[in-house]
Each structure stands twice: as structure tokens, then as C-alpha cells.
C-alpha atoms as a PDB file:
ATOM      1  CA  UNK A   1     -18.668  34.546  -8.495  1.00  0.00           C
ATOM      2  CA  UNK A   2     -20.334  36.445  -5.646  1.00  0.00           C
ATOM      3  CA  UNK A   3     -21.287  33.127  -4.024  1.00  0.00           C
ATOM      4  CA  UNK A   4     -17.690  31.919  -4.323  1.00  0.00           C
ATOM      5  CA  UNK A   5     -16.336  35.019  -2.558  1.00  0.00           C
ATOM      6  CA  UNK A   6     -18.932  34.647   0.178  1.00  0.00           C
ATOM      7  CA  UNK A   7     -17.893  31.037   0.739  1.00  0.00           C
ATOM      8  CA  UNK A   8     -14.221  32.010   0.630  1.00  0.00           C
ATOM      9  CA  UNK A   9     -14.689  34.691   3.313  1.00  0.00           C
ATOM     10  CA  UNK A  10     -16.555  32.144   5.431  1.00  0.00           C
ATOM     11  CA  UNK A  11     -13.725  29.617   5.180  1.00  0.00           C
ATOM     12  CA  UNK A  12     -10.998  32.220   5.759  1.00  0.00           C
ATOM     13  CA  UNK A  13     -12.809  33.401   8.876  1.00  0.00           C
ATOM     14  CA  UNK A  14     -12.637  29.843  10.201  1.00  0.00           C
ATOM     15  CA  UNK A  15      -8.828  29.972   9.813  1.00  0.00           C
ATOM     16  CA  UNK A  16      -8.058  33.487  11.001  1.00  0.00           C
ATOM     17  CA  UNK A  17     -10.675  33.746  13.739  1.00  0.00           C
ATOM     18  CA  UNK A  18      -9.525  30.638  15.582  1.00  0.00           C
ATOM     19  CA  UNK A  19      -6.513  30.017  17.797  1.00  0.00           C
ATOM     20  CA  UNK A  20      -5.594  26.930  15.763  1.00  0.00           C
ATOM     21  CA  UNK A  21      -4.602  28.969  12.725  1.00  0.00           C
ATOM     22  CA  UNK A  22      -2.266  31.190  14.713  1.00  0.00           C
ATOM     23  CA  UNK A  23      -0.740  28.190  16.475  1.00  0.00           C
ATOM     24  CA  UNK A  24       0.087  26.705  13.069  1.00  0.00           C
ATOM     25  CA  UNK A  25       1.637  29.978  11.896  1.00  0.00           C
ATOM     26  CA  UNK A  26       3.665  30.271  15.108  1.00  0.00           C
ATOM     27  CA  UNK A  27       4.902  26.678  14.847  1.00  0.00           C
ATOM     28  CA  UNK A  28       5.911  27.099  11.193  1.00  0.00           C
ATOM     29  CA  UNK A  29       7.658  30.393  11.959  1.00  0.00           C
ATOM     30  CA  UNK A  30       9.592  28.721  14.780  1.00  0.00           C
ATOM     31  CA  UNK A  31      10.694  25.840  12.543  1.00  0.00           C
ATOM     32  CA  UNK A  32      11.738  28.200   9.735  1.00  0.00           C
ATOM     33  CA  UNK A  33      13.672  30.388  12.168  1.00  0.00           C
ATOM     34  CA  UNK A  34      15.451  27.417  13.736  1.00  0.00           C
ATOM     35  CA  UNK A  35      16.308  26.073  10.306  1.00  0.00           C
ATOM     36  CA  UNK A  36      17.910  29.346   9.234  1.00  0.00           C
ATOM     37  CA  UNK A  37      19.804  29.609  12.522  1.00  0.00           C
ATOM     38  CA  UNK A  38      21.224  26.116  11.986  1.00  0.00           C
ATOM     39  CA  UNK A  39      22.096  26.888   8.366  1.00  0.00           C
ATOM     40  CA  UNK A  40      23.916  30.094   9.253  1.00  0.00           C
ATOM     41  CA  UNK A  41      25.699  28.466  12.192  1.00  0.00           C
ATOM     42  CA  UNK A  42      26.959  25.607  10.023  1.00  0.00           C
ATOM     43  CA  UNK A  43      27.961  27.976   7.243  1.00  0.00           C
ATOM     44  CA  UNK A  44      29.866  30.325   9.528  1.00  0.00           C
ATOM     45  CA  UNK A  45      31.906  32.912   7.681  1.00  0.00           C
ATOM     46  CA  UNK A  46      32.613  30.669   4.689  1.00  0.00           C
ATOM     47  CA  UNK A  47      31.067  31.674   1.339  1.00  0.00           C
ATOM     48  CA  UNK A  48      28.239  29.474   0.130  1.00  0.00           C
ATOM     49  CA  UNK A  49      28.321  27.938  -3.374  1.00  0.00           C
ATOM     50  CA  UNK A  50      24.505  28.040  -3.554  1.00  0.00           C
ATOM     51  CA  UNK A  51      21.723  30.479  -2.619  1.00  0.00           C
ATOM     52  CA  UNK A  52      20.504  30.232   0.949  1.00  0.00           C
ATOM     53  CA  UNK A  53      17.042  29.406  -0.421  1.00  0.00           C
ATOM     54  CA  UNK A  54      18.407  26.229  -1.979  1.00  0.00           C
ATOM     55  CA  UNK A  55      20.181  25.375   1.266  1.00  0.00           C
ATOM     56  CA  UNK A  56      16.828  25.618   3.034  1.00  0.00           C
ATOM     57  CA  UNK A  57      15.186  23.279   0.521  1.00  0.00           C
ATOM     58  CA  UNK A  58      17.940  20.737   1.139  1.00  0.00           C
ATOM     59  CA  UNK A  59      17.022  20.518   4.811  1.00  0.00           C
ATOM     60  CA  UNK A  60      14.320  18.232   6.176  1.00  0.00           C
ATOM     61  CA  UNK A  61      12.544  21.187   7.793  1.00  0.00           C
ATOM     62  CA  UNK A  62      10.807  22.288   4.594  1.00  0.00           C
ATOM     63  CA  UNK A  63       9.329  18.863   3.882  1.00  0.00           C
ATOM     64  CA  UNK A  64       8.488  18.354   7.549  1.00  0.00           C
ATOM     65  CA  UNK A  65       6.450  21.573   7.508  1.00  0.00           C
ATOM     66  CA  UNK A  66       4.653  20.581   4.305  1.00  0.00           C
ATOM     67  CA  UNK A  67       3.887  17.043   5.463  1.00  0.00           C
ATOM     68  CA  UNK A  68       2.585  18.137   8.880  1.00  0.00           C
ATOM     69  CA  UNK A  69       0.978  21.505   8.158  1.00  0.00           C
ATOM     70  CA  UNK A  70      -1.115  20.582   5.127  1.00  0.00           C
ATOM     71  CA  UNK A  71      -3.088  17.824   6.918  1.00  0.00           C
ATOM     72  CA  UNK A  72      -3.652  20.214   9.834  1.00  0.00           C
ATOM     73  CA  UNK A  73      -5.004  22.867   7.461  1.00  0.00           C
ATOM     74  CA  UNK A  74      -7.279  20.603   5.444  1.00  0.00           C
ATOM     75  CA  UNK A  75      -8.584  18.047   7.930  1.00  0.00           C
ATOM     76  CA  UNK A  76     -11.489  20.244   9.027  1.00  0.00           C
ATOM     77  CA  UNK A  77     -12.574  21.491   5.588  1.00  0.00           C
ATOM     78  CA  UNK A  78     -15.146  18.776   4.903  1.00  0.00           C
ATOM     79  CA  UNK A  79     -14.838  16.378   7.838  1.00  0.00           C
ATOM     80  CA  UNK A  80     -15.812  18.880  10.534  1.00  0.00           C
ATOM     81  CA  UNK A  81     -18.856  20.077   8.620  1.00  0.00           C
ATOM     82  CA  UNK A  82     -19.974  16.498   8.021  1.00  0.00           C
ATOM     83  CA  UNK A  83     -19.518  15.677  11.707  1.00  0.00           C
ATOM     84  CA  UNK A  84     -21.390  18.771  12.917  1.00  0.00           C
ATOM     85  CA  UNK A  85     -24.171  18.391  10.360  1.00  0.00           C
ATOM     86  CA  UNK A  86     -23.618  21.791   8.728  1.00  0.00           C
ATOM     87  CA  UNK A  87     -22.382  20.240   5.484  1.00  0.00           C
ATOM     88  CA  UNK A  88     -25.825  19.066   4.402  1.00  0.00           C
ATOM     89  CA  UNK A  89     -27.263  22.453   5.346  1.00  0.00           C
ATOM     90  CA  UNK A  90     -24.591  24.154   3.228  1.00  0.00           C
ATOM     91  CA  UNK A  91     -25.296  21.905   0.261  1.00  0.00           C
ATOM     92  CA  UNK A  92     -29.017  22.647   0.367  1.00  0.00           C
ATOM     93  CA  UNK A  93     -28.309  26.323  -0.253  1.00  0.00           C
ATOM     94  CA  UNK A  94     -28.095  27.583  -3.863  1.00  0.00           C
ATOM     95  CA  UNK A  95     -24.389  26.809  -4.268  1.00  0.00           C
ATOM     96  CA  UNK A  96     -22.757  24.332  -6.594  1.00  0.00           C
ATOM     97  CA  UNK A  97     -20.456  21.520  -5.532  1.00  0.00           C
ATOM     98  CA  UNK A  98     -17.677  23.089  -7.592  1.00  0.00           C
ATOM     99  CA  UNK A  99     -18.013  26.404  -5.751  1.00  0.00           C
ATOM    100  CA  UNK A 100     -17.822  24.669  -2.369  1.00  0.00           C
ATOM    101  CA  UNK A 101     -14.716  22.653  -3.285  1.00  0.00           C
ATOM    102  CA  UNK A 102     -13.029  25.664  -4.913  1.00  0.00           C
ATOM    103  CA  UNK A 103     -13.731  27.960  -1.954  1.00  0.00           C
ATOM    104  CA  UNK A 104     -12.469  25.473   0.619  1.00  0.00           C
ATOM    105  CA  UNK A 105      -9.305  24.747  -1.368  1.00  0.00           C
ATOM    106  CA  UNK A 106      -8.672  28.446  -2.046  1.00  0.00           C
ATOM    107  CA  UNK A 107      -9.054  29.342   1.636  1.00  0.00           C
ATOM    108  CA  UNK A 108      -6.540  26.691   2.662  1.00  0.00           C
ATOM    109  CA  UNK A 109      -4.169  27.891  -0.054  1.00  0.00           C
ATOM    110  CA  UNK A 110      -4.420  31.534   1.051  1.00  0.00           C
ATOM    111  CA  UNK A 111      -3.678  30.567   4.647  1.00  0.00           C
ATOM    112  CA  UNK A 112      -0.803  28.345   3.459  1.00  0.00           C
ATOM    113  CA  UNK A 113       0.763  31.282   1.592  1.00  0.00           C
ATOM    114  CA  UNK A 114       0.410  33.547   4.634  1.00  0.00           C
ATOM    115  CA  UNK A 115       1.997  30.789   6.707  1.00  0.00           C
ATOM    116  CA  UNK A 116       5.193  31.013   4.616  1.00  0.00           C
ATOM    117  CA  UNK A 117       5.553  34.808   4.678  1.00  0.00           C
ATOM    118  CA  UNK A 118       7.860  34.765   7.755  1.00  0.00           C
ATOM    119  CA  UNK A 119      10.480  33.042   5.608  1.00  0.00           C
ATOM    120  CA  UNK A 120      10.824  36.288   3.651  1.00  0.00           C
ATOM    121  CA  UNK A 121      11.714  38.079   6.885  1.00  0.00           C
ATOM    122  CA  UNK A 122      14.370  35.429   7.573  1.00  0.00           C
ATOM    123  CA  UNK A 123      15.876  36.073   4.150  1.00  0.00           C
ATOM    124  CA  UNK A 124      16.031  39.821   4.823  1.00  0.00           C
ATOM    125  CA  UNK A 125      17.798  39.153   8.119  1.00  0.00           C
ATOM    126  CA  UNK A 126      20.264  36.791   6.448  1.00  0.00           C
ATOM    127  CA  UNK A 127      20.906  39.350   3.716  1.00  0.00           C
ATOM    128  CA  UNK A 128      21.493  42.066   6.300  1.00  0.00           C
ATOM    129  CA  UNK A 129      24.035  40.152   8.376  1.00  0.00           C
ATOM    130  CA  UNK A 130      25.800  38.106   5.674  1.00  0.00           C
ATOM    131  CA  UNK A 131      27.313  38.578   2.275  1.00  0.00           C
ATOM    132  CA  UNK A 132      25.074  36.113   0.462  1.00  0.00           C
ATOM    133  CA  UNK A 133      24.751  37.741  -2.981  1.00  0.00           C
ATOM    134  CA  UNK A 134      21.756  35.734  -4.182  1.00  0.00           C
ATOM    135  CA  UNK A 135      19.705  35.848  -1.007  1.00  0.00           C
ATOM    136  CA  UNK A 136      17.218  38.467  -2.185  1.00  0.00           C
ATOM    137  CA  UNK A 137      17.647  38.190  -5.926  1.00  0.00           C
ATOM    138  CA  UNK A 138      14.230  38.704  -7.514  1.00  0.00           C
ATOM    139  CA  UNK A 139      14.499  35.573  -9.643  1.00  0.00           C
ATOM    140  CA  UNK A 140      15.580  33.449  -6.700  1.00  0.00           C
ATOM    141  CA  UNK A 141      12.804  34.728  -4.439  1.00  0.00           C
ATOM    142  CA  UNK A 142      10.219  34.345  -7.201  1.00  0.00           C
ATOM    143  CA  UNK A 143      11.320  30.801  -7.995  1.00  0.00           C
ATOM    144  CA  UNK A 144      11.395  29.866  -4.322  1.00  0.00           C
ATOM    145  CA  UNK A 145       7.851  31.049  -3.653  1.00  0.00           C
ATOM    146  CA  UNK A 146       6.597  29.515  -6.894  1.00  0.00           C
ATOM    147  CA  UNK A 147       7.964  26.179  -5.665  1.00  0.00           C
ATOM    148  CA  UNK A 148       6.372  26.679  -2.244  1.00  0.00           C
ATOM    149  CA  UNK A 149       3.071  27.581  -3.935  1.00  0.00           C
ATOM    150  CA  UNK A 150       3.031  24.578  -6.292  1.00  0.00           C
ATOM    151  CA  UNK A 151       3.998  22.090  -3.590  1.00  0.00           C
ATOM    152  CA  UNK A 152       1.302  23.575  -1.372  1.00  0.00           C
ATOM    153  CA  UNK A 153      -1.318  23.240  -4.107  1.00  0.00           C
ATOM    154  CA  UNK A 154      -0.516  19.555  -4.534  1.00  0.00           C
ATOM    155  CA  UNK A 155      -0.432  18.603  -0.862  1.00  0.00           C
ATOM    156  CA  UNK A 156      -3.476  20.733  -0.008  1.00  0.00           C
ATOM    157  CA  UNK A 157      -5.442  19.040  -2.787  1.00  0.00           C
ATOM    158  CA  UNK A 158      -4.442  15.718  -1.230  1.00  0.00           C
ATOM    159  CA  UNK A 159      -5.749  16.992   2.091  1.00  0.00           C
ATOM    160  CA  UNK A 160      -9.034  18.182   0.578  1.00  0.00           C
ATOM    161  CA  UNK A 161      -9.555  14.762  -0.957  1.00  0.00           C
ATOM    162  CA  UNK A 162      -8.795  13.047   2.350  1.00  0.00           C
ATOM    163  CA  UNK A 163     -11.134  15.343   4.283  1.00  0.00           C
ATOM    164  CA  UNK A 164     -13.980  14.694   1.846  1.00  0.00           C
ATOM    165  CA  UNK A 165     -13.763  10.947   2.484  1.00  0.00           C
ATOM    166  CA  UNK A 166     -14.605  10.924   6.189  1.00  0.00           C
ATOM    167  CA  UNK A 167     -16.469  12.610   9.034  1.00  0.00           C
ATOM    168  CA  UNK A 168     -13.493  12.361  11.408  1.00  0.00           C
ATOM    169  CA  UNK A 169     -10.875  15.106  11.414  1.00  0.00           C
ATOM    170  CA  UNK A 170      -8.229  12.762  12.819  1.00  0.00           C
ATOM    171  CA  UNK A 171      -8.949  10.186  10.130  1.00  0.00           C
ATOM    172  CA  UNK A 172      -8.756  12.918   7.472  1.00  0.00           C
ATOM    173  CA  UNK A 173      -5.412  14.121   8.855  1.00  0.00           C
ATOM    174  CA  UNK A 174      -4.012  10.572   8.912  1.00  0.00           C
ATOM    175  CA  UNK A 175      -5.173   9.822   5.360  1.00  0.00           C
ATOM    176  CA  UNK A 176      -3.703  13.094   4.133  1.00  0.00           C
ATOM    177  CA  UNK A 177      -0.436  12.439   5.972  1.00  0.00           C
ATOM    178  CA  UNK A 178      -0.136   8.912   4.565  1.00  0.00           C
ATOM    179  CA  UNK A 179      -0.817  10.133   1.025  1.00  0.00           C
ATOM    180  CA  UNK A 180       1.709  12.937   1.459  1.00  0.00           C
ATOM    181  CA  UNK A 181       4.385  10.627   2.845  1.00  0.00           C
ATOM    182  CA  UNK A 182       3.732   8.166   0.013  1.00  0.00           C
ATOM    183  CA  UNK A 183       4.254  10.930  -2.542  1.00  0.00           C
ATOM    184  CA  UNK A 184       7.369  12.028  -0.668  1.00  0.00           C
ATOM    185  CA  UNK A 185       8.773   8.478  -0.763  1.00  0.00           C
ATOM    186  CA  UNK A 186       8.037   8.205  -4.478  1.00  0.00           C
ATOM    187  CA  UNK A 187      10.002  11.419  -4.936  1.00  0.00           C
ATOM    188  CA  UNK A 188      12.854   9.948  -2.899  1.00  0.00           C
ATOM    189  CA  UNK A 189      12.737   6.817  -5.086  1.00  0.00           C
ATOM    190  CA  UNK A 190      12.772   8.932  -8.236  1.00  0.00           C
ATOM    191  CA  UNK A 191      15.965  10.636  -7.064  1.00  0.00           C
ATOM    192  CA  UNK A 192      17.643   7.377  -6.068  1.00  0.00           C
ATOM    193  CA  UNK A 193      16.961   5.561  -9.350  1.00  0.00           C
ATOM    194  CA  UNK A 194      18.802   6.929 -12.392  1.00  0.00           C
ATOM    195  CA  UNK A 195      16.715   7.872 -15.422  1.00  0.00           C
ATOM    196  CA  UNK A 196      16.746   5.134 -18.055  1.00  0.00           C
ATOM    197  CA  UNK A 197      15.162   4.647 -21.470  1.00  0.00           C
ATOM    198  CA  UNK A 198      12.215   2.630 -20.152  1.00  0.00           C
ATOM    199  CA  UNK A 199       8.910   4.474 -19.912  1.00  0.00           C
ATOM    200  CA  UNK A 200       8.548   3.476 -16.242  1.00  0.00           C
ATOM    201  CA  UNK A 201      11.762   5.286 -15.397  1.00  0.00           C
ATOM    202  CA  UNK A 202      10.695   8.297 -17.448  1.00  0.00           C
ATOM    203  CA  UNK A 203       7.365   8.525 -15.615  1.00  0.00           C
ATOM    204  CA  UNK A 204       9.075   8.108 -12.242  1.00  0.00           C
ATOM    205  CA  UNK A 205      11.438  10.971 -13.041  1.00  0.00           C
ATOM    206  CA  UNK A 206       8.467  13.384 -13.079  1.00  0.00           C
ATOM    207  CA  UNK A 207       8.032  12.678  -9.354  1.00  0.00           C
ATOM    208  CA  UNK A 208      11.515  13.964  -8.544  1.00  0.00           C
ATOM    209  CA  UNK A 209      10.237  16.463  -5.975  1.00  0.00           C
ATOM    210  CA  UNK A 210      13.635  17.240  -4.491  1.00  0.00           C
ATOM    211  CA  UNK A 211      15.397  18.147  -7.729  1.00  0.00           C
ATOM    212  CA  UNK A 212      12.396  20.194  -8.814  1.00  0.00           C
ATOM    213  CA  UNK A 213      12.478  22.154  -5.567  1.00  0.00           C
ATOM    214  CA  UNK A 214      16.200  22.731  -5.904  1.00  0.00           C
ATOM    215  CA  UNK A 215      15.627  24.191  -9.371  1.00  0.00           C
ATOM    216  CA  UNK A 216      12.883  26.479  -8.073  1.00  0.00           C
ATOM    217  CA  UNK A 217      15.169  27.603  -5.234  1.00  0.00           C
ATOM    218  CA  UNK A 218      17.831  28.552  -7.790  1.00  0.00           C
ATOM    219  CA  UNK A 219      15.282  30.666  -9.661  1.00  0.00           C
ATOM    220  CA  UNK A 220      15.024  28.099 -12.486  1.00  0.00           C
ATOM    221  CA  UNK A 221      11.448  27.352 -13.580  1.00  0.00           C
ATOM    222  CA  UNK A 222      10.981  24.092 -15.487  1.00  0.00           C
ATOM    223  CA  UNK A 223       7.615  24.059 -17.240  1.00  0.00           C
ATOM    224  CA  UNK A 224       7.488  20.261 -16.939  1.00  0.00           C
ATOM    225  CA  UNK A 225       7.536  20.560 -13.166  1.00  0.00           C
ATOM    226  CA  UNK A 226       4.852  23.259 -13.258  1.00  0.00           C
ATOM    227  CA  UNK A 227       2.630  21.057 -15.450  1.00  0.00           C
ATOM    228  CA  UNK A 228       3.257  18.105 -13.133  1.00  0.00           C
ATOM    229  CA  UNK A 229       2.141  19.965 -10.000  1.00  0.00           C
ATOM    230  CA  UNK A 230      -0.827  21.660 -11.666  1.00  0.00           C
ATOM    231  CA  UNK A 231      -2.029  18.409 -13.225  1.00  0.00           C
ATOM    232  CA  UNK A 232      -1.876  16.430  -9.986  1.00  0.00           C
ATOM    233  CA  UNK A 233      -3.535  19.269  -8.101  1.00  0.00           C
ATOM    234  CA  UNK A 234      -6.482  19.341 -10.492  1.00  0.00           C
ATOM    235  CA  UNK A 235      -6.646  15.538 -10.444  1.00  0.00           C
ATOM    236  CA  UNK A 236      -7.090  15.374  -6.667  1.00  0.00           C
ATOM    237  CA  UNK A 237      -9.499  18.315  -6.687  1.00  0.00           C
ATOM    238  CA  UNK A 238     -11.487  16.458  -9.360  1.00  0.00           C
ATOM    239  CA  UNK A 239     -11.591  13.401  -7.077  1.00  0.00           C
ATOM    240  CA  UNK A 240     -12.714  15.636  -4.212  1.00  0.00           C
ATOM    241  CA  UNK A 241     -15.492  17.057  -6.354  1.00  0.00           C
ATOM    242  CA  UNK A 242     -16.633  13.558  -7.298  1.00  0.00           C
ATOM    243  CA  UNK A 243     -16.722  12.516  -3.638  1.00  0.00           C
ATOM    244  CA  UNK A 244     -18.780  15.590  -2.761  1.00  0.00           C
ATOM    245  CA  UNK A 245     -21.139  14.919  -5.657  1.00  0.00           C
ATOM    246  CA  UNK A 246     -21.538  11.285  -4.614  1.00  0.00           C
ATOM    247  CA  UNK A 247     -23.920  12.326  -1.841  1.00  0.00           C
ATOM    248  CA  UNK A 248     -26.532  12.812  -4.588  1.00  0.00           C
ATOM    249  CA  UNK A 249     -26.231   9.168  -5.559  1.00  0.00           C
ATOM    250  CA  UNK A 250     -27.086   7.850  -2.100  1.00  0.00           C
END
């Protein structure tokens, strides 16, 4: 465990001690702020039939942030170290492949969570200047951030897998982006096609990302959605681990 924490501090330092990390946070904060400004402007003084958190999930800004930010966060995790030659040096130290993968994923996840903290400030501002009753309800806030966390776990695991495949950061970012967009389109397809009795339709319904996020934003936690995100996250982390271990077979 001590080795894991050492690796985690090393990876977090790479995020928080570089200008790139703060540029990402600033860009995400700007997009979140603009999204809330647009939402409040369109809403005006009329009462909203849904929590403002759900209104945010229904915009394209949330998915745009996820699809663009996660490749930017993960592209350097393995690819940069392979390109610079430090990856082989790291792997010759007394650390396991699992510890390396877990530390890199955990560091990206911690930064991802910090990246979304400004949205809480936006909700406080909205609550202060409007009469939205469910804006800061504990269940709504908890469900919203659980949804943000689970989506982040899935897309960051995709990015880790992509970064482990190549030595080029740009290639890793493109692979991660393509995988993320593909998953997004499958979710769009799952929402467009009604659920039928066939097993194919049943399986496709589990990829209904939009409806799942809407439920989280309402403060409703569906265990099937939680299992779906956790399972896919571990699946892509398992693939990442296998790619990292494959260096021993060469």
C-alpha cells in the first residue's frame, strides 16, 4: 500500500504541478459557467418542472466536457512515459503492474473529481438568486455527483486503455476520443430504440447513458446503472493491465 501511495503522489504531482492541469480546470469551469448562464437565461422567472442538475445533464455541455476532458487527462499516463523511456525504468523498480495501473487511474480520477467541484459553486449561486427548491437538496447533489463519478470512471478507464496501447500522446487521445464517442453513440441508439423482448434490445438498454444520467440528476440511484458503470470500468482497467503485462511476453 505504501508503494501505491507513493506512485499516486507522483502521478498527482504531474497533474497539479503543470500548467496543463490548471488549463483543463479553467476550461471546464468556463464551460460549466456558460452552461448555467444559458440555462438560467432560458428559464427566466418561470418555475422549472425539474431540478437544475437534471437540466444541466440534458445539455450537450456535460457530454462535451466528458468526451474532451477525459482523453486530455489520460493521454499522458502511459504514452508519455513510454515515449520518454521512463516507463521501463519505472517497471524495473519493485512495483507490480497492478499498482502502476491503479495509481495512474486513481490520480486521473482524483483530478477529474476536482475538475467538477466548480459546478457546486454554480449550484450555490443558482440557489441564492433563484427559487429552485431542489437545487441543493442533499439527495439531488449526491445523485448528481455519483453520476459524474461513475461516468468519469468509465471514460477514464477507456483513456487508460488507449494510453497503454501507444507511445504517442496524440494517438492515445484520438483512440480514447473515438472509443468515448462510440460509447456515446451507442447510448444515443439505446435511447432511440424502444426496449423490446429480444435479448439484443435488453442488452442495448443497459447502455442508455442519457436516461441513467437523468435519474442520477434527480437523486434516483438505480443499482443496475451502478453495476453497469463499475463493470465496464473494471473491464477496461483489466485490458489496460493486460497490455502493461504484455511487455513481459516480448
